[in-house]
Amino acid sequence: MKIAVVLQDQRSRRPREAASVADDLKQAGVRLIVVASRSSVPISELRAVASSTYDVLSVPTYSRLLGRVDQLASIMCVPFGK
């Protein structure tokens, strides 16, 4: 299985286009995991890109991501859709 981790730190300027590209990747068999920094990104936008609701991880800053590496690894290692 192919996995892509998408890092997002602000609202997309073109959320529909981002969701469309994400859908193309998902249909090609790529699992998309979204890591968002800051709470300014709407959860609906993150979920539109991620392969599932379980594939979204939010951190206050990317520097805080280091403390969540284990959580990110467990998201990546869980079979898709569970």
PDB file of N, CA and C in Angstrom:
ATOM      1  N   MET A   1       0.833  -1.173   0.000  1.00  0.00           N
ATOM      2  CA  MET A   1       0.000   0.000   0.000  1.00  0.00           C
ATOM      3  C   MET A   1       0.883   1.244   0.000  1.00  0.00           C
ATOM      4  N   LYS A   2       0.451   2.232  -0.750  1.00  0.00           N
ATOM      5  CA  LYS A   2       1.151   3.508  -0.796  1.00  0.00           C
ATOM      6  C   LYS A   2       0.508   4.452   0.210  1.00  0.00           C
ATOM      7  N   ILE A   3       1.344   5.200   0.922  1.00  0.00           N
ATOM      8  CA  ILE A   3       0.866   6.162   1.910  1.00  0.00           C
ATOM      9  C   ILE A   3       1.517   7.501   1.631  1.00  0.00           C
ATOM     10  N   ALA A   4       0.714   8.562   1.680  1.00  0.00           N
ATOM     11  CA  ALA A   4       1.242   9.923   1.572  1.00  0.00           C
ATOM     12  C   ALA A   4       0.811  10.687   2.818  1.00  0.00           C
ATOM     13  N   VAL A   5       1.752  11.420   3.398  1.00  0.00           N
ATOM     14  CA  VAL A   5       1.446  12.268   4.547  1.00  0.00           C
ATOM     15  C   VAL A   5       1.388  13.701   4.045  1.00  0.00           C
ATOM     16  N   VAL A   6       0.243  14.338   4.253  1.00  0.00           N
ATOM     17  CA  VAL A   6       0.019  15.708   3.808  1.00  0.00           C
ATOM     18  C   VAL A   6       0.144  16.621   5.020  1.00  0.00           C
ATOM     19  N   LEU A   7       1.032  17.601   4.937  1.00  0.00           N
ATOM     20  CA  LEU A   7       1.198  18.574   6.016  1.00  0.00           C
ATOM     21  C   LEU A   7       0.457  19.846   5.631  1.00  0.00           C
ATOM     22  N   GLN A   8      -0.384  20.326   6.532  1.00  0.00           N
ATOM     23  CA  GLN A   8      -1.180  21.511   6.222  1.00  0.00           C
ATOM     24  C   GLN A   8      -1.149  22.456   7.413  1.00  0.00           C
ATOM     25  N   ASP A   9      -0.787  23.733   7.168  1.00  0.00           N
ATOM     26  CA  ASP A   9      -0.701  24.683   8.273  1.00  0.00           C
ATOM     27  C   ASP A   9      -1.606  25.898   8.105  1.00  0.00           C
ATOM     28  N   GLN A  10      -2.405  25.891   7.082  1.00  0.00           N
ATOM     29  CA  GLN A  10      -3.376  26.969   6.896  1.00  0.00           C
ATOM     30  C   GLN A  10      -4.490  26.492   5.983  1.00  0.00           C
ATOM     31  N   ARG A  11      -5.555  27.279   5.928  1.00  0.00           N
ATOM     32  CA  ARG A  11      -6.655  26.952   5.024  1.00  0.00           C
ATOM     33  C   ARG A  11      -6.147  26.898   3.593  1.00  0.00           C
ATOM     34  N   SER A  12      -6.704  25.998   2.839  1.00  0.00           N
ATOM     35  CA  SER A  12      -6.363  25.930   1.424  1.00  0.00           C
ATOM     36  C   SER A  12      -7.018  27.107   0.705  1.00  0.00           C
ATOM     37  N   ARG A  13      -6.301  27.662  -0.244  1.00  0.00           N
ATOM     38  CA  ARG A  13      -6.899  28.727  -1.050  1.00  0.00           C
ATOM     39  C   ARG A  13      -7.901  28.146  -2.044  1.00  0.00           C
ATOM     40  N   ARG A  14      -7.728  26.857  -2.354  1.00  0.00           N
ATOM     41  CA  ARG A  14      -8.623  26.181  -3.303  1.00  0.00           C
ATOM     42  C   ARG A  14      -9.017  24.810  -2.732  1.00  0.00           C
ATOM     43  N   PRO A  15      -9.872  24.796  -1.706  1.00  0.00           N
ATOM     44  CA  PRO A  15     -10.202  23.528  -1.044  1.00  0.00           C
ATOM     45  C   PRO A  15     -10.868  22.505  -1.960  1.00  0.00           C
ATOM     46  N   ARG A  16     -11.679  22.951  -2.913  1.00  0.00           N
ATOM     47  CA  ARG A  16     -12.322  21.993  -3.830  1.00  0.00           C
ATOM     48  C   ARG A  16     -11.293  21.313  -4.711  1.00  0.00           C
ATOM     49  N   GLU A  17     -10.316  22.089  -5.184  1.00  0.00           N
ATOM     50  CA  GLU A  17      -9.259  21.516  -6.010  1.00  0.00           C
ATOM     51  C   GLU A  17      -8.410  20.544  -5.191  1.00  0.00           C
ATOM     52  N   ALA A  18      -8.110  20.897  -3.949  1.00  0.00           N
ATOM     53  CA  ALA A  18      -7.337  20.006  -3.081  1.00  0.00           C
ATOM     54  C   ALA A  18      -8.085  18.697  -2.855  1.00  0.00           C
ATOM     55  N   ALA A  19      -9.392  18.787  -2.598  1.00  0.00           N
ATOM     56  CA  ALA A  19     -10.197  17.584  -2.391  1.00  0.00           C
ATOM     57  C   ALA A  19     -10.263  16.735  -3.657  1.00  0.00           C
ATOM     58  N   SER A  20     -10.332  17.385  -4.813  1.00  0.00           N
ATOM     59  CA  SER A  20     -10.383  16.664  -6.078  1.00  0.00           C
ATOM     60  C   SER A  20      -9.076  15.903  -6.339  1.00  0.00           C
ATOM     61  N   VAL A  21      -7.958  16.560  -6.098  1.00  0.00           N
ATOM     62  CA  VAL A  21      -6.656  15.891  -6.270  1.00  0.00           C
ATOM     63  C   VAL A  21      -6.535  14.745  -5.274  1.00  0.00           C
ATOM     64  N   ALA A  22      -6.993  14.972  -4.034  1.00  0.00           N
ATOM     65  CA  ALA A  22      -6.961  13.918  -3.024  1.00  0.00           C
ATOM     66  C   ALA A  22      -7.804  12.724  -3.457  1.00  0.00           C
ATOM     67  N   ASP A  23      -8.984  12.983  -4.019  1.00  0.00           N
ATOM     68  CA  ASP A  23      -9.848  11.895  -4.502  1.00  0.00           C
ATOM     69  C   ASP A  23      -9.156  11.087  -5.594  1.00  0.00           C
ATOM     70  N   ASP A  24      -8.452  11.772  -6.495  1.00  0.00           N
ATOM     71  CA  ASP A  24      -7.718  11.069  -7.556  1.00  0.00           C
ATOM     72  C   ASP A  24      -6.657  10.145  -6.963  1.00  0.00           C
ATOM     73  N   LEU A  25      -5.942  10.648  -5.967  1.00  0.00           N
ATOM     74  CA  LEU A  25      -4.902   9.830  -5.325  1.00  0.00           C
ATOM     75  C   LEU A  25      -5.515   8.641  -4.596  1.00  0.00           C
ATOM     76  N   LYS A  26      -6.613   8.865  -3.902  1.00  0.00           N
ATOM     77  CA  LYS A  26      -7.279   7.776  -3.185  1.00  0.00           C
ATOM     78  C   LYS A  26      -7.749   6.702  -4.156  1.00  0.00           C
ATOM     79  N   GLN A  27      -8.298   7.131  -5.292  1.00  0.00           N
ATOM     80  CA  GLN A  27      -8.755   6.154  -6.292  1.00  0.00           C
ATOM     81  C   GLN A  27      -7.587   5.390  -6.895  1.00  0.00           C
ATOM     82  N   ALA A  28      -6.402   5.976  -6.864  1.00  0.00           N
ATOM     83  CA  ALA A  28      -5.202   5.301  -7.363  1.00  0.00           C
ATOM     84  C   ALA A  28      -4.600   4.385  -6.297  1.00  0.00           C
ATOM     85  N   GLY A  29      -5.251   4.305  -5.128  1.00  0.00           N
ATOM     86  CA  GLY A  29      -4.793   3.394  -4.087  1.00  0.00           C
ATOM     87  C   GLY A  29      -3.842   4.001  -3.080  1.00  0.00           C
ATOM     88  N   VAL A  30      -3.756   5.317  -3.042  1.00  0.00           N
ATOM     89  CA  VAL A  30      -2.871   5.983  -2.087  1.00  0.00           C
ATOM     90  C   VAL A  30      -3.679   6.343  -0.840  1.00  0.00           C
ATOM     91  N   ARG A  31      -3.175   5.963   0.302  1.00  0.00           N
ATOM     92  CA  ARG A  31      -3.800   6.343   1.568  1.00  0.00           C
ATOM     93  C   ARG A  31      -3.241   7.701   1.977  1.00  0.00           C
ATOM     94  N   LEU A  32      -4.116   8.665   2.222  1.00  0.00           N
ATOM     95  CA  LEU A  32      -3.697  10.020   2.582  1.00  0.00           C
ATOM     96  C   LEU A  32      -3.918  10.267   4.066  1.00  0.00           C
ATOM     97  N   ILE A  33      -2.836  10.591   4.752  1.00  0.00           N
ATOM     98  CA  ILE A  33      -2.873  10.936   6.167  1.00  0.00           C
ATOM     99  C   ILE A  33      -2.549  12.416   6.264  1.00  0.00           C
ATOM    100  N   VAL A  34      -3.416  13.179   6.917  1.00  0.00           N
ATOM    101  CA  VAL A  34      -3.251  14.626   7.000  1.00  0.00           C
ATOM    102  C   VAL A  34      -2.769  15.010   8.396  1.00  0.00           C
ATOM    103  N   VAL A  35      -1.680  15.765   8.440  1.00  0.00           N
ATOM    104  CA  VAL A  35      -1.174  16.321   9.692  1.00  0.00           C
ATOM    105  C   VAL A  35      -1.355  17.825   9.599  1.00  0.00           C
ATOM    106  N   ALA A  36      -2.151  18.373  10.499  1.00  0.00           N
ATOM    107  CA  ALA A  36      -2.447  19.799  10.469  1.00  0.00           C
ATOM    108  C   ALA A  36      -1.811  20.500  11.654  1.00  0.00           C
ATOM    109  N   SER A  37      -1.216  21.630  11.359  1.00  0.00           N
ATOM    110  CA  SER A  37      -0.674  22.492  12.396  1.00  0.00           C
ATOM    111  C   SER A  37      -1.580  23.701  12.505  1.00  0.00           C
ATOM    112  N   ARG A  38      -1.945  24.029  13.713  1.00  0.00           N
ATOM    113  CA  ARG A  38      -2.857  25.140  14.013  1.00  0.00           C
ATOM    114  C   ARG A  38      -4.297  24.677  13.895  1.00  0.00           C
ATOM    115  N   SER A  39      -5.117  25.309  14.639  1.00  0.00           N
ATOM    116  CA  SER A  39      -6.538  24.954  14.606  1.00  0.00           C
ATOM    117  C   SER A  39      -7.312  25.801  13.606  1.00  0.00           C
ATOM    118  N   SER A  40      -6.600  26.646  12.847  1.00  0.00           N
ATOM    119  CA  SER A  40      -7.288  27.519  11.896  1.00  0.00           C
ATOM    120  C   SER A  40      -7.769  26.772  10.650  1.00  0.00           C
ATOM    121  N   VAL A  41      -7.331  25.548  10.481  1.00  0.00           N
ATOM    122  CA  VAL A  41      -7.754  24.760   9.334  1.00  0.00           C
ATOM    123  C   VAL A  41      -9.046  24.021   9.714  1.00  0.00           C
ATOM    124  N   PRO A  42     -10.114  24.252   8.977  1.00  0.00           N
ATOM    125  CA  PRO A  42     -11.379  23.585   9.316  1.00  0.00           C
ATOM    126  C   PRO A  42     -11.258  22.065   9.219  1.00  0.00           C
ATOM    127  N   ILE A  43     -11.810  21.372  10.199  1.00  0.00           N
ATOM    128  CA  ILE A  43     -11.742  19.910  10.217  1.00  0.00           C
ATOM    129  C   ILE A  43     -12.391  19.324   8.970  1.00  0.00           C
ATOM    130  N   SER A  44     -13.408  19.977   8.448  1.00  0.00           N
ATOM    131  CA  SER A  44     -14.059  19.467   7.235  1.00  0.00           C
ATOM    132  C   SER A  44     -13.092  19.469   6.057  1.00  0.00           C
ATOM    133  N   GLU A  45     -12.234  20.460   5.990  1.00  0.00           N
ATOM    134  CA  GLU A  45     -11.238  20.518   4.915  1.00  0.00           C
ATOM    135  C   GLU A  45     -10.204  19.408   5.062  1.00  0.00           C
ATOM    136  N   LEU A  46      -9.801  19.138   6.298  1.00  0.00           N
ATOM    137  CA  LEU A  46      -8.829  18.065   6.547  1.00  0.00           C
ATOM    138  C   LEU A  46      -9.421  16.707   6.202  1.00  0.00           C
ATOM    139  N   ARG A  47     -10.663  16.493   6.595  1.00  0.00           N
ATOM    140  CA  ARG A  47     -11.321  15.213   6.330  1.00  0.00           C
ATOM    141  C   ARG A  47     -11.582  15.004   4.847  1.00  0.00           C
ATOM    142  N   ALA A  48     -11.773  16.092   4.100  1.00  0.00           N
ATOM    143  CA  ALA A  48     -11.994  15.973   2.658  1.00  0.00           C
ATOM    144  C   ALA A  48     -10.746  15.465   1.949  1.00  0.00           C
ATOM    145  N   VAL A  49      -9.591  15.725   2.522  1.00  0.00           N
ATOM    146  CA  VAL A  49      -8.330  15.279   1.922  1.00  0.00           C
ATOM    147  C   VAL A  49      -7.926  13.903   2.447  1.00  0.00           C
ATOM    148  N   ALA A  50      -8.116  13.671   3.735  1.00  0.00           N
ATOM    149  CA  ALA A  50      -7.696  12.411   4.358  1.00  0.00           C
ATOM    150  C   ALA A  50      -8.512  11.231   3.834  1.00  0.00           C
ATOM    151  N   SER A  51      -7.914  10.059   3.910  1.00  0.00           N
ATOM    152  CA  SER A  51      -8.599   8.849   3.452  1.00  0.00           C
ATOM    153  C   SER A  51      -9.733   8.431   4.379  1.00  0.00           C
ATOM    154  N   SER A  52      -9.623   8.771   5.661  1.00  0.00           N
ATOM    155  CA  SER A  52     -10.698   8.483   6.613  1.00  0.00           C
ATOM    156  C   SER A  52     -10.583   9.470   7.773  1.00  0.00           C
ATOM    157  N   THR A  53     -11.589   9.480   8.628  1.00  0.00           N
ATOM    158  CA  THR A  53     -11.538  10.378   9.783  1.00  0.00           C
ATOM    159  C   THR A  53     -10.404  10.007  10.733  1.00  0.00           C
ATOM    160  N   TYR A  54      -9.970   8.756  10.697  1.00  0.00           N
ATOM    161  CA  TYR A  54      -8.861   8.307  11.535  1.00  0.00           C
ATOM    162  C   TYR A  54      -7.513   8.767  11.000  1.00  0.00           C
ATOM    163  N   ASP A  55      -7.501   9.258   9.775  1.00  0.00           N
ATOM    164  CA  ASP A  55      -6.255   9.652   9.123  1.00  0.00           C
ATOM    165  C   ASP A  55      -5.990  11.153   9.222  1.00  0.00           C
ATOM    166  N   VAL A  56      -6.483  11.772  10.299  1.00  0.00           N
ATOM    167  CA  VAL A  56      -6.252  13.193  10.550  1.00  0.00           C
ATOM    168  C   VAL A  56      -5.592  13.329  11.918  1.00  0.00           C
ATOM    169  N   LEU A  57      -4.470  14.039  11.955  1.00  0.00           N
ATOM    170  CA  LEU A  57      -3.757  14.306  13.201  1.00  0.00           C
ATOM    171  C   LEU A  57      -3.531  15.805  13.272  1.00  0.00           C
ATOM    172  N   SER A  58      -3.956  16.418  14.375  1.00  0.00           N
ATOM    173  CA  SER A  58      -3.815  17.860  14.532  1.00  0.00           C
ATOM    174  C   SER A  58      -2.847  18.144  15.674  1.00  0.00           C
ATOM    175  N   VAL A  59      -1.907  19.041  15.423  1.00  0.00           N
ATOM    176  CA  VAL A  59      -0.939  19.467  16.435  1.00  0.00           C
ATOM    177  C   VAL A  59      -0.928  20.996  16.466  1.00  0.00           C
ATOM    178  N   PRO A  60      -0.640  21.600  17.638  1.00  0.00           N
ATOM    179  CA  PRO A  60      -0.642  23.059  17.708  1.00  0.00           C
ATOM    180  C   PRO A  60       0.455  23.698  16.856  1.00  0.00           C
ATOM    181  N   THR A  61       1.618  23.062  16.796  1.00  0.00           N
ATOM    182  CA  THR A  61       2.735  23.534  15.965  1.00  0.00           C
ATOM    183  C   THR A  61       3.492  22.310  15.470  1.00  0.00           C
ATOM    184  N   TYR A  62       4.203  22.477  14.364  1.00  0.00           N
ATOM    185  CA  TYR A  62       4.964  21.331  13.852  1.00  0.00           C
ATOM    186  C   TYR A  62       6.066  20.906  14.811  1.00  0.00           C
ATOM    187  N   SER A  63       6.581  21.833  15.605  1.00  0.00           N
ATOM    188  CA  SER A  63       7.603  21.444  16.582  1.00  0.00           C
ATOM    189  C   SER A  63       7.024  20.484  17.619  1.00  0.00           C
ATOM    190  N   ARG A  64       5.712  20.579  17.865  1.00  0.00           N
ATOM    191  CA  ARG A  64       5.059  19.657  18.801  1.00  0.00           C
ATOM    192  C   ARG A  64       4.792  18.296  18.169  1.00  0.00           C
ATOM    193  N   LEU A  65       4.971  18.184  16.870  1.00  0.00           N
ATOM    194  CA  LEU A  65       4.752  16.908  16.187  1.00  0.00           C
ATOM    195  C   LEU A  65       5.727  15.842  16.681  1.00  0.00           C
ATOM    196  N   LEU A  66       6.923  16.253  17.071  1.00  0.00           N
ATOM    197  CA  LEU A  66       7.904  15.285  17.572  1.00  0.00           C
ATOM    198  C   LEU A  66       7.354  14.492  18.746  1.00  0.00           C
ATOM    199  N   GLY A  67       6.555  15.131  19.578  1.00  0.00           N
ATOM    200  CA  GLY A  67       5.949  14.431  20.712  1.00  0.00           C
ATOM    201  C   GLY A  67       4.808  13.519  20.317  1.00  0.00           C
ATOM    202  N   ARG A  68       4.404  13.562  19.061  1.00  0.00           N
ATOM    203  CA  ARG A  68       3.275  12.745  18.598  1.00  0.00           C
ATOM    204  C   ARG A  68       3.684  11.749  17.515  1.00  0.00           C
ATOM    205  N   VAL A  69       4.973  11.536  17.356  1.00  0.00           N
ATOM    206  CA  VAL A  69       5.461  10.620  16.318  1.00  0.00           C
ATOM    207  C   VAL A  69       4.895   9.219  16.520  1.00  0.00           C
ATOM    208  N   ASP A  70       4.813   8.778  17.768  1.00  0.00           N
ATOM    209  CA  ASP A  70       4.254   7.442  18.025  1.00  0.00           C
ATOM    210  C   ASP A  70       2.805   7.355  17.560  1.00  0.00           C
ATOM    211  N   GLN A  71       2.042   8.416  17.797  1.00  0.00           N
ATOM    212  CA  GLN A  71       0.647   8.418  17.347  1.00  0.00           C
ATOM    213  C   GLN A  71       0.579   8.400  15.828  1.00  0.00           C
ATOM    214  N   LEU A  72       1.429   9.181  15.170  1.00  0.00           N
ATOM    215  CA  LEU A  72       1.452   9.180  13.711  1.00  0.00           C
ATOM    216  C   LEU A  72       1.833   7.807  13.174  1.00  0.00           C
ATOM    217  N   ALA A  73       2.824   7.173  13.792  1.00  0.00           N
ATOM    218  CA  ALA A  73       3.237   5.830  13.372  1.00  0.00           C
ATOM    219  C   ALA A  73       2.104   4.828  13.538  1.00  0.00           C
ATOM    220  N   SER A  74       1.349   4.945  14.636  1.00  0.00           N
ATOM    221  CA  SER A  74       0.257   3.985  14.829  1.00  0.00           C
ATOM    222  C   SER A  74      -0.857   4.227  13.815  1.00  0.00           C
ATOM    223  N   ILE A  75      -1.099   5.481  13.434  1.00  0.00           N
ATOM    224  CA  ILE A  75      -2.087   5.757  12.380  1.00  0.00           C
ATOM    225  C   ILE A  75      -1.639   5.107  11.082  1.00  0.00           C
ATOM    226  N   MET A  76      -0.363   5.240  10.783  1.00  0.00           N
ATOM    227  CA  MET A  76       0.152   4.704   9.521  1.00  0.00           C
ATOM    228  C   MET A  76       0.148   3.178   9.489  1.00  0.00           C
ATOM    229  N   CYS A  77       0.242   2.548  10.649  1.00  0.00           N
ATOM    230  CA  CYS A  77       0.349   1.093  10.687  1.00  0.00           C
ATOM    231  C   CYS A  77      -0.988   0.377  10.831  1.00  0.00           C
ATOM    232  N   VAL A  78      -2.054   1.127  11.109  1.00  0.00           N
ATOM    233  CA  VAL A  78      -3.382   0.503  11.223  1.00  0.00           C
ATOM    234  C   VAL A  78      -3.891   0.251   9.811  1.00  0.00           C
ATOM    235  N   PRO A  79      -4.431  -0.931   9.548  1.00  0.00           N
ATOM    236  CA  PRO A  79      -4.982  -1.189   8.215  1.00  0.00           C
ATOM    237  C   PRO A  79      -6.021  -0.144   7.853  1.00  0.00           C
ATOM    238  N   PHE A  80      -6.055   0.224   6.589  1.00  0.00           N
ATOM    239  CA  PHE A  80      -6.956   1.270   6.092  1.00  0.00           C
ATOM    240  C   PHE A  80      -8.394   0.952   6.439  1.00  0.00           C
ATOM    241  N   GLY A  81      -9.117   1.975   6.905  1.00  0.00           N
ATOM    242  CA  GLY A  81     -10.529   1.836   7.174  1.00  0.00           C
ATOM    243  C   GLY A  81     -10.868   1.292   8.541  1.00  0.00           C
ATOM    244  N   LYS A  82      -9.871   1.132   9.411  1.00  0.00           N
ATOM    245  CA  LYS A  82     -10.163   0.607  10.760  1.00  0.00           C
ATOM    246  C   LYS A  82      -9.912   1.666  11.772  1.00  0.00           C
TER     247      LYS A  82
END
